[in-house]
Amino acid sequence: LRRAMTPEVKLLAVAHVSNVLGTVNPVREICREARRR
């Protein structure tokens, strides 16, 4: 995901919790990385 955050990326869409898998994504970390870019 970090490698995919290239300069061309303007928007990132992500689920906090998956409705199928129940996966809880580390959205705070993800948004911090996105904000830096």
Full PDB file with SEQRES, HELIX, SHEET, SSBOND, CRYST1, ORIGX, SCALE, CONECT and MASTER records, all heavy atoms in Angstrom:
SEQRES   1 A   37  LEU ARG ARG ALA MET THR PRO GLU VAL LYS LEU LEU ALA          
SEQRES   2 A   37  VAL ALA HIS VAL SER ASN VAL LEU GLY THR VAL ASN PRO          
SEQRES   3 A   37  VAL ARG GLU ILE CYS ARG GLU ALA ARG ARG ARG                  
HELIX    1 AA1 VAL A   27  ARG A   36  1                                  10    
CRYST1    1.000    1.000    1.000  90.00  90.00  90.00 P 1           1          
ORIGX1      1.000000  0.000000  0.000000        0.00000                         
ORIGX2      0.000000  1.000000  0.000000        0.00000                         
ORIGX3      0.000000  0.000000  1.000000        0.00000                         
SCALE1      1.000000  0.000000  0.000000        0.00000                         
SCALE2      0.000000  1.000000  0.000000        0.00000                         
SCALE3      0.000000  0.000000  1.000000        0.00000                         
ATOM      1  N   LEU A   1       0.831  -1.199   0.000  1.00  0.00           N  
ATOM      2  CA  LEU A   1       0.000   0.000   0.000  1.00  0.00           C  
ATOM      3  C   LEU A   1       0.870   1.256   0.000  1.00  0.00           C  
ATOM      4  O   LEU A   1       0.612   2.203  -0.754  1.00  0.00           O  
ATOM      5  CB  LEU A   1      -0.916  -0.016   1.221  1.00  0.00           C  
ATOM      6  CG  LEU A   1      -1.822   1.203   1.401  1.00  0.00           C  
ATOM      7  CD1 LEU A   1      -2.804   1.323   0.248  1.00  0.00           C  
ATOM      8  CD2 LEU A   1      -2.566   1.132   2.740  1.00  0.00           C  
ATOM      9  N   ARG A   2       1.898   1.258   0.831  1.00  0.00           N  
ATOM     10  CA  ARG A   2       2.793   2.423   0.857  1.00  0.00           C  
ATOM     11  C   ARG A   2       3.471   2.618  -0.495  1.00  0.00           C  
ATOM     12  O   ARG A   2       3.604   3.754  -0.971  1.00  0.00           O  
ATOM     13  CB  ARG A   2       3.837   2.247   1.961  1.00  0.00           C  
ATOM     14  CG  ARG A   2       3.287   2.301   3.369  1.00  0.00           C  
ATOM     15  CD  ARG A   2       4.400   2.275   4.404  1.00  0.00           C  
ATOM     16  NE  ARG A   2       3.871   2.016   5.735  1.00  0.00           N  
ATOM     17  CZ  ARG A   2       3.844   0.821   6.310  1.00  0.00           C  
ATOM     18  NH1 ARG A   2       4.329  -0.235   5.666  1.00  0.00           N  
ATOM     19  NH2 ARG A   2       3.330   0.662   7.506  1.00  0.00           N  
ATOM     20  N   ARG A   3       3.914   1.527  -1.091  1.00  0.00           N  
ATOM     21  CA  ARG A   3       4.569   1.644  -2.400  1.00  0.00           C  
ATOM     22  C   ARG A   3       3.597   2.162  -3.464  1.00  0.00           C  
ATOM     23  O   ARG A   3       4.006   2.823  -4.431  1.00  0.00           O  
ATOM     24  CB  ARG A   3       5.141   0.291  -2.826  1.00  0.00           C  
ATOM     25  CG  ARG A   3       6.335  -0.169  -1.998  1.00  0.00           C  
ATOM     26  CD  ARG A   3       7.059  -1.321  -2.677  1.00  0.00           C  
ATOM     27  NE  ARG A   3       6.209  -2.502  -2.805  1.00  0.00           N  
ATOM     28  CZ  ARG A   3       6.099  -3.465  -1.894  1.00  0.00           C  
ATOM     29  NH1 ARG A   3       6.783  -3.375  -0.752  1.00  0.00           N  
ATOM     30  NH2 ARG A   3       5.311  -4.511  -2.095  1.00  0.00           N  
ATOM     31  N   ALA A   4       2.321   1.856  -3.279  1.00  0.00           N  
ATOM     32  CA  ALA A   4       1.313   2.288  -4.254  1.00  0.00           C  
ATOM     33  C   ALA A   4       0.965   3.764  -4.116  1.00  0.00           C  
ATOM     34  O   ALA A   4       0.339   4.342  -5.007  1.00  0.00           O  
ATOM     35  CB  ALA A   4       0.050   1.442  -4.106  1.00  0.00           C  
ATOM     36  N   MET A   5       1.380   4.395  -3.018  1.00  0.00           N  
ATOM     37  CA  MET A   5       1.077   5.808  -2.790  1.00  0.00           C  
ATOM     38  C   MET A   5       2.081   6.689  -3.531  1.00  0.00           C  
ATOM     39  O   MET A   5       2.883   7.408  -2.945  1.00  0.00           O  
ATOM     40  CB  MET A   5       1.093   6.121  -1.289  1.00  0.00           C  
ATOM     41  CG  MET A   5      -0.001   5.477  -0.487  1.00  0.00           C  
ATOM     42  SD  MET A   5       0.086   6.010   1.253  1.00  0.00           S  
ATOM     43  CE  MET A   5      -1.164   4.947   2.008  1.00  0.00           C  
ATOM     44  N   THR A   6       2.014   6.644  -4.846  1.00  0.00           N  
ATOM     45  CA  THR A   6       2.919   7.412  -5.704  1.00  0.00           C  
ATOM     46  C   THR A   6       2.376   8.832  -5.883  1.00  0.00           C  
ATOM     47  O   THR A   6       1.222   9.117  -5.517  1.00  0.00           O  
ATOM     48  CB  THR A   6       3.060   6.716  -7.055  1.00  0.00           C  
ATOM     49  OG1 THR A   6       1.758   6.650  -7.662  1.00  0.00           O  
ATOM     50  CG2 THR A   6       3.618   5.305  -6.892  1.00  0.00           C  
ATOM     51  N   PRO A   7       3.166   9.718  -6.444  1.00  0.00           N  
ATOM     52  CA  PRO A   7       2.705  11.107  -6.605  1.00  0.00           C  
ATOM     53  C   PRO A   7       1.429  11.260  -7.430  1.00  0.00           C  
ATOM     54  O   PRO A   7       0.727  12.268  -7.292  1.00  0.00           O  
ATOM     55  CB  PRO A   7       3.897  11.781  -7.297  1.00  0.00           C  
ATOM     56  CG  PRO A   7       5.086  10.991  -6.864  1.00  0.00           C  
ATOM     57  CD  PRO A   7       4.598   9.569  -6.792  1.00  0.00           C  
ATOM     58  N   GLU A   8       1.123  10.270  -8.273  1.00  0.00           N  
ATOM     59  CA  GLU A   8      -0.094  10.379  -9.086  1.00  0.00           C  
ATOM     60  C   GLU A   8      -1.364  10.155  -8.267  1.00  0.00           C  
ATOM     61  O   GLU A   8      -2.457  10.529  -8.695  1.00  0.00           O  
ATOM     62  CB  GLU A   8      -0.067   9.350 -10.225  1.00  0.00           C  
ATOM     63  CG  GLU A   8       1.078   9.519 -11.210  1.00  0.00           C  
ATOM     64  CD  GLU A   8       2.372   8.910 -10.693  1.00  0.00           C  
ATOM     65  OE1 GLU A   8       2.309   8.048  -9.775  1.00  0.00           O  
ATOM     66  OE2 GLU A   8       3.446   9.291 -11.190  1.00  0.00           O  
ATOM     67  N   VAL A   9      -1.237   9.537  -7.095  1.00  0.00           N  
ATOM     68  CA  VAL A   9      -2.409   9.212  -6.278  1.00  0.00           C  
ATOM     69  C   VAL A   9      -2.916  10.483  -5.601  1.00  0.00           C  
ATOM     70  O   VAL A   9      -2.183  11.140  -4.859  1.00  0.00           O  
ATOM     71  CB  VAL A   9      -2.084   8.132  -5.229  1.00  0.00           C  
ATOM     72  CG1 VAL A   9      -3.293   7.894  -4.334  1.00  0.00           C  
ATOM     73  CG2 VAL A   9      -1.649   6.839  -5.916  1.00  0.00           C  
ATOM     74  N   LYS A  10      -4.163  10.805  -5.852  1.00  0.00           N  
ATOM     75  CA  LYS A  10      -4.779  12.000  -5.268  1.00  0.00           C  
ATOM     76  C   LYS A  10      -5.792  11.651  -4.184  1.00  0.00           C  
ATOM     77  O   LYS A  10      -6.120  12.506  -3.360  1.00  0.00           O  
ATOM     78  CB  LYS A  10      -5.474  12.826  -6.354  1.00  0.00           C  
ATOM     79  CG  LYS A  10      -4.566  13.207  -7.518  1.00  0.00           C  
ATOM     80  CD  LYS A  10      -3.339  13.975  -7.048  1.00  0.00           C  
ATOM     81  CE  LYS A  10      -2.417  14.317  -8.218  1.00  0.00           C  
ATOM     82  NZ  LYS A  10      -1.167  14.968  -7.777  1.00  0.00           N  
ATOM     83  N   LEU A  11      -6.305  10.418  -4.212  1.00  0.00           N  
ATOM     84  CA  LEU A  11      -7.331  10.023  -3.253  1.00  0.00           C  
ATOM     85  C   LEU A  11      -7.162   8.555  -2.901  1.00  0.00           C  
ATOM     86  O   LEU A  11      -6.885   7.733  -3.775  1.00  0.00           O  
ATOM     87  CB  LEU A  11      -8.725  10.284  -3.839  1.00  0.00           C  
ATOM     88  CG  LEU A  11      -9.930  10.002  -2.942  1.00  0.00           C  
ATOM     89  CD1 LEU A  11     -11.020  11.046  -3.177  1.00  0.00           C  
ATOM     90  CD2 LEU A  11     -10.496   8.607  -3.191  1.00  0.00           C  
ATOM     91  N   LEU A  12      -7.337   8.236  -1.631  1.00  0.00           N  
ATOM     92  CA  LEU A  12      -7.287   6.863  -1.138  1.00  0.00           C  
ATOM     93  C   LEU A  12      -8.599   6.541  -0.447  1.00  0.00           C  
ATOM     94  O   LEU A  12      -9.037   7.269   0.451  1.00  0.00           O  
ATOM     95  CB  LEU A  12      -6.126   6.688  -0.156  1.00  0.00           C  
ATOM     96  CG  LEU A  12      -6.114   5.415   0.696  1.00  0.00           C  
ATOM     97  CD1 LEU A  12      -5.982   4.176  -0.181  1.00  0.00           C  
ATOM     98  CD2 LEU A  12      -4.993   5.464   1.724  1.00  0.00           C  
ATOM     99  N   ALA A  13      -9.256   5.456  -0.859  1.00  0.00           N  
ATOM    100  CA  ALA A  13     -10.514   5.014  -0.270  1.00  0.00           C  
ATOM    101  C   ALA A  13     -10.305   3.677   0.417  1.00  0.00           C  
ATOM    102  O   ALA A  13      -9.832   2.725  -0.211  1.00  0.00           O  
ATOM    103  CB  ALA A  13     -11.594   4.893  -1.348  1.00  0.00           C  
ATOM    104  N   VAL A  14     -10.665   3.597   1.700  1.00  0.00           N  
ATOM    105  CA  VAL A  14     -10.398   2.382   2.461  1.00  0.00           C  
ATOM    106  C   VAL A  14     -11.478   2.172   3.527  1.00  0.00           C  
ATOM    107  O   VAL A  14     -11.993   3.132   4.098  1.00  0.00           O  
ATOM    108  CB  VAL A  14      -8.997   2.443   3.126  1.00  0.00           C  
ATOM    109  CG1 VAL A  14      -8.911   3.577   4.137  1.00  0.00           C  
ATOM    110  CG2 VAL A  14      -8.614   1.113   3.752  1.00  0.00           C  
ATOM    111  N   ALA A  15     -11.815   0.908   3.753  1.00  0.00           N  
ATOM    112  CA  ALA A  15     -12.766   0.564   4.805  1.00  0.00           C  
ATOM    113  C   ALA A  15     -12.073   0.539   6.155  1.00  0.00           C  
ATOM    114  O   ALA A  15     -10.947   0.062   6.272  1.00  0.00           O  
ATOM    115  CB  ALA A  15     -13.388  -0.809   4.518  1.00  0.00           C  
ATOM    116  N   HIS A  16     -12.764   1.037   7.164  1.00  0.00           N  
ATOM    117  CA  HIS A  16     -12.255   0.902   8.534  1.00  0.00           C  
ATOM    118  C   HIS A  16     -12.327  -0.560   8.955  1.00  0.00           C  
ATOM    119  O   HIS A  16     -11.377  -1.105   9.506  1.00  0.00           O  
ATOM    120  CB  HIS A  16     -13.080   1.782   9.472  1.00  0.00           C  
ATOM    121  CG  HIS A  16     -12.455   2.000  10.807  1.00  0.00           C  
ATOM    122  ND1 HIS A  16     -12.820   3.030  11.653  1.00  0.00           N  
ATOM    123  CD2 HIS A  16     -11.486   1.318  11.482  1.00  0.00           C  
ATOM    124  CE1 HIS A  16     -12.096   2.969  12.758  1.00  0.00           C  
ATOM    125  NE2 HIS A  16     -11.303   1.938  12.671  1.00  0.00           N  
ATOM    126  N   VAL A  17     -13.467  -1.202   8.666  1.00  0.00           N  
ATOM    127  CA  VAL A  17     -13.670  -2.627   8.945  1.00  0.00           C  
ATOM    128  C   VAL A  17     -14.322  -3.258   7.725  1.00  0.00           C  
ATOM    129  O   VAL A  17     -15.313  -2.734   7.205  1.00  0.00           O  
ATOM    130  CB  VAL A  17     -14.556  -2.840  10.187  1.00  0.00           C  
ATOM    131  CG1 VAL A  17     -14.874  -4.322  10.383  1.00  0.00           C  
ATOM    132  CG2 VAL A  17     -13.893  -2.274  11.441  1.00  0.00           C  
ATOM    133  N   SER A  18     -13.787  -4.392   7.274  1.00  0.00           N  
ATOM    134  CA  SER A  18     -14.356  -5.084   6.117  1.00  0.00           C  
ATOM    135  C   SER A  18     -15.683  -5.727   6.465  1.00  0.00           C  
ATOM    136  O   SER A  18     -15.806  -6.422   7.476  1.00  0.00           O  
ATOM    137  CB  SER A  18     -13.392  -6.160   5.618  1.00  0.00           C  
ATOM    138  OG  SER A  18     -14.027  -7.031   4.700  1.00  0.00           O  
ATOM    139  N   ASN A  19     -16.678  -5.531   5.599  1.00  0.00           N  
ATOM    140  CA  ASN A  19     -17.994  -6.124   5.841  1.00  0.00           C  
ATOM    141  C   ASN A  19     -18.021  -7.621   5.540  1.00  0.00           C  
ATOM    142  O   ASN A  19     -18.976  -8.305   5.912  1.00  0.00           O  
ATOM    143  CB  ASN A  19     -19.062  -5.414   5.000  1.00  0.00           C  
ATOM    144  CG  ASN A  19     -18.962  -5.733   3.523  1.00  0.00           C  
ATOM    145  OD1 ASN A  19     -17.892  -5.606   2.921  1.00  0.00           O  
ATOM    146  ND2 ASN A  19     -20.067  -6.150   2.926  1.00  0.00           N  
ATOM    147  N   VAL A  20     -17.000  -8.143   4.886  1.00  0.00           N  
ATOM    148  CA  VAL A  20     -16.944  -9.572   4.546  1.00  0.00           C  
ATOM    149  C   VAL A  20     -15.967 -10.316   5.446  1.00  0.00           C  
ATOM    150  O   VAL A  20     -16.271 -11.398   5.962  1.00  0.00           O  
ATOM    151  CB  VAL A  20     -16.540  -9.767   3.067  1.00  0.00           C  
ATOM    152  CG1 VAL A  20     -16.426 -11.257   2.731  1.00  0.00           C  
ATOM    153  CG2 VAL A  20     -17.531  -9.089   2.145  1.00  0.00           C  
ATOM    154  N   LEU A  21     -14.801  -9.746   5.658  1.00  0.00           N  
ATOM    155  CA  LEU A  21     -13.716 -10.433   6.360  1.00  0.00           C  
ATOM    156  C   LEU A  21     -13.671 -10.098   7.848  1.00  0.00           C  
ATOM    157  O   LEU A  21     -13.071 -10.839   8.633  1.00  0.00           O  
ATOM    158  CB  LEU A  21     -12.371 -10.062   5.726  1.00  0.00           C  
ATOM    159  CG  LEU A  21     -12.255 -10.279   4.221  1.00  0.00           C  
ATOM    160  CD1 LEU A  21     -10.948  -9.687   3.705  1.00  0.00           C  
ATOM    161  CD2 LEU A  21     -12.347 -11.761   3.893  1.00  0.00           C  
ATOM    162  N   GLY A  22     -14.252  -8.975   8.229  1.00  0.00           N  
ATOM    163  CA  GLY A  22     -14.122  -8.509   9.603  1.00  0.00           C  
ATOM    164  C   GLY A  22     -12.778  -7.871   9.897  1.00  0.00           C  
ATOM    165  O   GLY A  22     -12.514  -7.463  11.033  1.00  0.00           O  
ATOM    166  N   THR A  23     -11.926  -7.741   8.903  1.00  0.00           N  
ATOM    167  CA  THR A  23     -10.600  -7.145   9.082  1.00  0.00           C  
ATOM    168  C   THR A  23     -10.727  -5.713   9.571  1.00  0.00           C  
ATOM    169  O   THR A  23     -11.471  -4.906   8.998  1.00  0.00           O  
ATOM    170  CB  THR A  23      -9.825  -7.153   7.754  1.00  0.00           C  
ATOM    171  OG1 THR A  23      -9.711  -8.492   7.282  1.00  0.00           O  
ATOM    172  CG2 THR A  23      -8.452  -6.541   7.922  1.00  0.00           C  
ATOM    173  N   VAL A  24      -9.995  -5.399  10.634  1.00  0.00           N  
ATOM    174  CA  VAL A  24      -9.943  -4.026  11.143  1.00  0.00           C  
ATOM    175  C   VAL A  24      -8.666  -3.389  10.601  1.00  0.00           C  
ATOM    176  O   VAL A  24      -7.560  -3.769  10.983  1.00  0.00           O  
ATOM    177  CB  VAL A  24      -9.951  -3.997  12.681  1.00  0.00           C  
ATOM    178  CG1 VAL A  24      -9.915  -2.553  13.183  1.00  0.00           C  
ATOM    179  CG2 VAL A  24     -11.181  -4.716  13.231  1.00  0.00           C  
ATOM    180  N   ASN A  25      -8.826  -2.462   9.699  1.00  0.00           N  
ATOM    181  CA  ASN A  25      -7.667  -1.838   9.079  1.00  0.00           C  
ATOM    182  C   ASN A  25      -7.065  -0.756   9.982  1.00  0.00           C  
ATOM    183  O   ASN A  25      -7.806  -0.036  10.662  1.00  0.00           O  
ATOM    184  CB  ASN A  25      -8.043  -1.220   7.730  1.00  0.00           C  
ATOM    185  CG  ASN A  25      -8.263  -2.260   6.661  1.00  0.00           C  
ATOM    186  OD1 ASN A  25      -7.492  -3.212   6.545  1.00  0.00           O  
ATOM    187  ND2 ASN A  25      -9.319  -2.106   5.875  1.00  0.00           N  
ATOM    188  N   PRO A  26      -5.741  -0.625   9.986  1.00  0.00           N  
ATOM    189  CA  PRO A  26      -5.081   0.415  10.801  1.00  0.00           C  
ATOM    190  C   PRO A  26      -5.221   1.778  10.134  1.00  0.00           C  
ATOM    191  O   PRO A  26      -4.248   2.349   9.607  1.00  0.00           O  
ATOM    192  CB  PRO A  26      -3.627  -0.064  10.844  1.00  0.00           C  
ATOM    193  CG  PRO A  26      -3.432  -0.798   9.554  1.00  0.00           C  
ATOM    194  CD  PRO A  26      -4.760  -1.460   9.265  1.00  0.00           C  
ATOM    195  N   VAL A  27      -6.442   2.305  10.156  1.00  0.00           N  
ATOM    196  CA  VAL A  27      -6.736   3.498   9.362  1.00  0.00           C  
ATOM    197  C   VAL A  27      -5.948   4.717   9.840  1.00  0.00           C  
ATOM    198  O   VAL A  27      -5.632   5.609   9.041  1.00  0.00           O  
ATOM    199  CB  VAL A  27      -8.253   3.794   9.349  1.00  0.00           C  
ATOM    200  CG1 VAL A  27      -8.987   2.753   8.517  1.00  0.00           C  
ATOM    201  CG2 VAL A  27      -8.833   3.849  10.751  1.00  0.00           C  
ATOM    202  N   ARG A  28      -5.632   4.770  11.112  1.00  0.00           N  
ATOM    203  CA  ARG A  28      -4.855   5.915  11.598  1.00  0.00           C  
ATOM    204  C   ARG A  28      -3.468   5.928  10.959  1.00  0.00           C  
ATOM    205  O   ARG A  28      -3.000   6.969  10.482  1.00  0.00           O  
ATOM    206  CB  ARG A  28      -4.747   5.862  13.124  1.00  0.00           C  
ATOM    207  CG  ARG A  28      -4.084   7.083  13.742  1.00  0.00           C  
ATOM    208  CD  ARG A  28      -4.195   7.057  15.253  1.00  0.00           C  
ATOM    209  NE  ARG A  28      -3.643   8.251  15.868  1.00  0.00           N  
ATOM    210  CZ  ARG A  28      -3.720   8.526  17.158  1.00  0.00           C  
ATOM    211  NH1 ARG A  28      -4.366   7.698  17.985  1.00  0.00           N  
ATOM    212  NH2 ARG A  28      -3.178   9.631  17.653  1.00  0.00           N  
ATOM    213  N   GLU A  29      -2.826   4.771  10.920  1.00  0.00           N  
ATOM    214  CA  GLU A  29      -1.510   4.666  10.287  1.00  0.00           C  
ATOM    215  C   GLU A  29      -1.597   4.924   8.793  1.00  0.00           C  
ATOM    216  O   GLU A  29      -0.757   5.623   8.207  1.00  0.00           O  
ATOM    217  CB  GLU A  29      -0.921   3.279  10.552  1.00  0.00           C  
ATOM    218  CG  GLU A  29       0.396   3.012   9.862  1.00  0.00           C  
ATOM    219  CD  GLU A  29       0.869   1.575  10.030  1.00  0.00           C  
ATOM    220  OE1 GLU A  29       0.325   0.863  10.901  1.00  0.00           O  
ATOM    221  OE2 GLU A  29       1.768   1.159   9.277  1.00  0.00           O  
ATOM    222  N   ILE A  30      -2.621   4.355   8.167  1.00  0.00           N  
ATOM    223  CA  ILE A  30      -2.787   4.523   6.719  1.00  0.00           C  
ATOM    224  C   ILE A  30      -3.000   5.997   6.371  1.00  0.00           C  
ATOM    225  O   ILE A  30      -2.396   6.531   5.427  1.00  0.00           O  
ATOM    226  CB  ILE A  30      -3.969   3.664   6.219  1.00  0.00           C  
ATOM    227  CG1 ILE A  30      -3.623   2.173   6.328  1.00  0.00           C  
ATOM    228  CG2 ILE A  30      -4.337   4.035   4.788  1.00  0.00           C  
ATOM    229  CD1 ILE A  30      -4.813   1.258   6.131  1.00  0.00           C  
ATOM    230  N   CYS A  31      -3.866   6.669   7.126  1.00  0.00           N  
ATOM    231  CA  CYS A  31      -4.148   8.072   6.830  1.00  0.00           C  
ATOM    232  C   CYS A  31      -2.926   8.952   7.107  1.00  0.00           C  
ATOM    233  O   CYS A  31      -2.708   9.952   6.402  1.00  0.00           O  
ATOM    234  CB  CYS A  31      -5.350   8.554   7.646  1.00  0.00           C  
ATOM    235  SG  CYS A  31      -6.914   7.809   7.127  1.00  0.00           S  
ATOM    236  N   ARG A  32      -2.131   8.590   8.105  1.00  0.00           N  
ATOM    237  CA  ARG A  32      -0.910   9.354   8.377  1.00  0.00           C  
ATOM    238  C   ARG A  32       0.050   9.259   7.193  1.00  0.00           C  
ATOM    239  O   ARG A  32       0.623  10.268   6.751  1.00  0.00           O  
ATOM    240  CB  ARG A  32      -0.243   8.837   9.652  1.00  0.00           C  
ATOM    241  CG  ARG A  32       1.021   9.621  10.028  1.00  0.00           C  
ATOM    242  CD  ARG A  32       1.608   9.172  11.348  1.00  0.00           C  
ATOM    243  NE  ARG A  32       2.074   7.788  11.297  1.00  0.00           N  
ATOM    244  CZ  ARG A  32       1.536   6.795  11.974  1.00  0.00           C  
ATOM    245  NH1 ARG A  32       0.472   7.008  12.757  1.00  0.00           N  
ATOM    246  NH2 ARG A  32       2.019   5.569  11.878  1.00  0.00           N  
ATOM    247  N   GLU A  33       0.221   8.040   6.660  1.00  0.00           N  
ATOM    248  CA  GLU A  33       1.096   7.864   5.514  1.00  0.00           C  
ATOM    249  C   GLU A  33       0.571   8.624   4.293  1.00  0.00           C  
ATOM    250  O   GLU A  33       1.340   9.212   3.529  1.00  0.00           O  
ATOM    251  CB  GLU A  33       1.239   6.375   5.186  1.00  0.00           C  
ATOM    252  CG  GLU A  33       1.967   5.568   6.241  1.00  0.00           C  
ATOM    253  CD  GLU A  33       3.429   5.957   6.356  1.00  0.00           C  
ATOM    254  OE1 GLU A  33       4.029   6.349   5.328  1.00  0.00           O  
ATOM    255  OE2 GLU A  33       3.975   5.889   7.474  1.00  0.00           O  
ATOM    256  N   ALA A  34      -0.748   8.590   4.104  1.00  0.00           N  
ATOM    257  CA  ALA A  34      -1.335   9.296   2.966  1.00  0.00           C  
ATOM    258  C   ALA A  34      -1.177  10.811   3.119  1.00  0.00           C  
ATOM    259  O   ALA A  34      -0.855  11.515   2.149  1.00  0.00           O  
ATOM    260  CB  ALA A  34      -2.812   8.929   2.837  1.00  0.00           C  
ATOM    261  N   ARG A  35      -1.393  11.304   4.321  1.00  0.00           N  
ATOM    262  CA  ARG A  35      -1.298  12.744   4.562  1.00  0.00           C  
ATOM    263  C   ARG A  35       0.109  13.256   4.277  1.00  0.00           C  
ATOM    264  O   ARG A  35       0.287  14.368   3.739  1.00  0.00           O  
ATOM    265  CB  ARG A  35      -1.721  13.037   5.997  1.00  0.00           C  
ATOM    266  CG  ARG A  35      -1.912  14.505   6.311  1.00  0.00           C  
ATOM    267  CD  ARG A  35      -2.692  14.707   7.601  1.00  0.00           C  
ATOM    268  NE  ARG A  35      -2.034  14.065   8.733  1.00  0.00           N  
ATOM    269  CZ  ARG A  35      -2.496  12.979   9.369  1.00  0.00           C  
ATOM    270  NH1 ARG A  35      -3.617  12.405   8.956  1.00  0.00           N  
ATOM    271  NH2 ARG A  35      -1.845  12.466  10.400  1.00  0.00           N  
ATOM    272  N   ARG A  36       1.113  12.460   4.628  1.00  0.00           N  
ATOM    273  CA  ARG A  36       2.498  12.860   4.352  1.00  0.00           C  
ATOM    274  C   ARG A  36       2.754  13.044   2.865  1.00  0.00           C  
ATOM    275  O   ARG A  36       3.647  13.795   2.458  1.00  0.00           O  
ATOM    276  CB  ARG A  36       3.466  11.792   4.890  1.00  0.00           C  
ATOM    277  CG  ARG A  36       3.568  11.749   6.407  1.00  0.00           C  
ATOM    278  CD  ARG A  36       4.393  10.558   6.844  1.00  0.00           C  
ATOM    279  NE  ARG A  36       4.567  10.517   8.293  1.00  0.00           N  
ATOM    280  CZ  ARG A  36       5.067   9.485   8.955  1.00  0.00           C  
ATOM    281  NH1 ARG A  36       5.466   8.396   8.290  1.00  0.00           N  
ATOM    282  NH2 ARG A  36       5.186   9.535  10.259  1.00  0.00           N  
ATOM    283  N   ARG A  37       1.966  12.355   2.056  1.00  0.00           N  
ATOM    284  CA  ARG A  37       2.143  12.403   0.601  1.00  0.00           C  
ATOM    285  C   ARG A  37       1.123  13.306  -0.078  1.00  0.00           C  
ATOM    286  O   ARG A  37       1.044  13.348  -1.297  1.00  0.00           O  
ATOM    287  CB  ARG A  37       2.050  10.977   0.034  1.00  0.00           C  
ATOM    288  CG  ARG A  37       3.171  10.057   0.509  1.00  0.00           C  
ATOM    289  CD  ARG A  37       2.783   8.604   0.301  1.00  0.00           C  
ATOM    290  NE  ARG A  37       3.880   7.688   0.576  1.00  0.00           N  
ATOM    291  CZ  ARG A  37       4.234   7.276   1.797  1.00  0.00           C  
ATOM    292  NH1 ARG A  37       3.571   7.729   2.864  1.00  0.00           N  
ATOM    293  NH2 ARG A  37       5.238   6.426   1.958  1.00  0.00           N  
TER     294      ARG A  37                                                      
MASTER        0    0    0    1    0    0    0    6  293    1    0    3          
END                                                                             
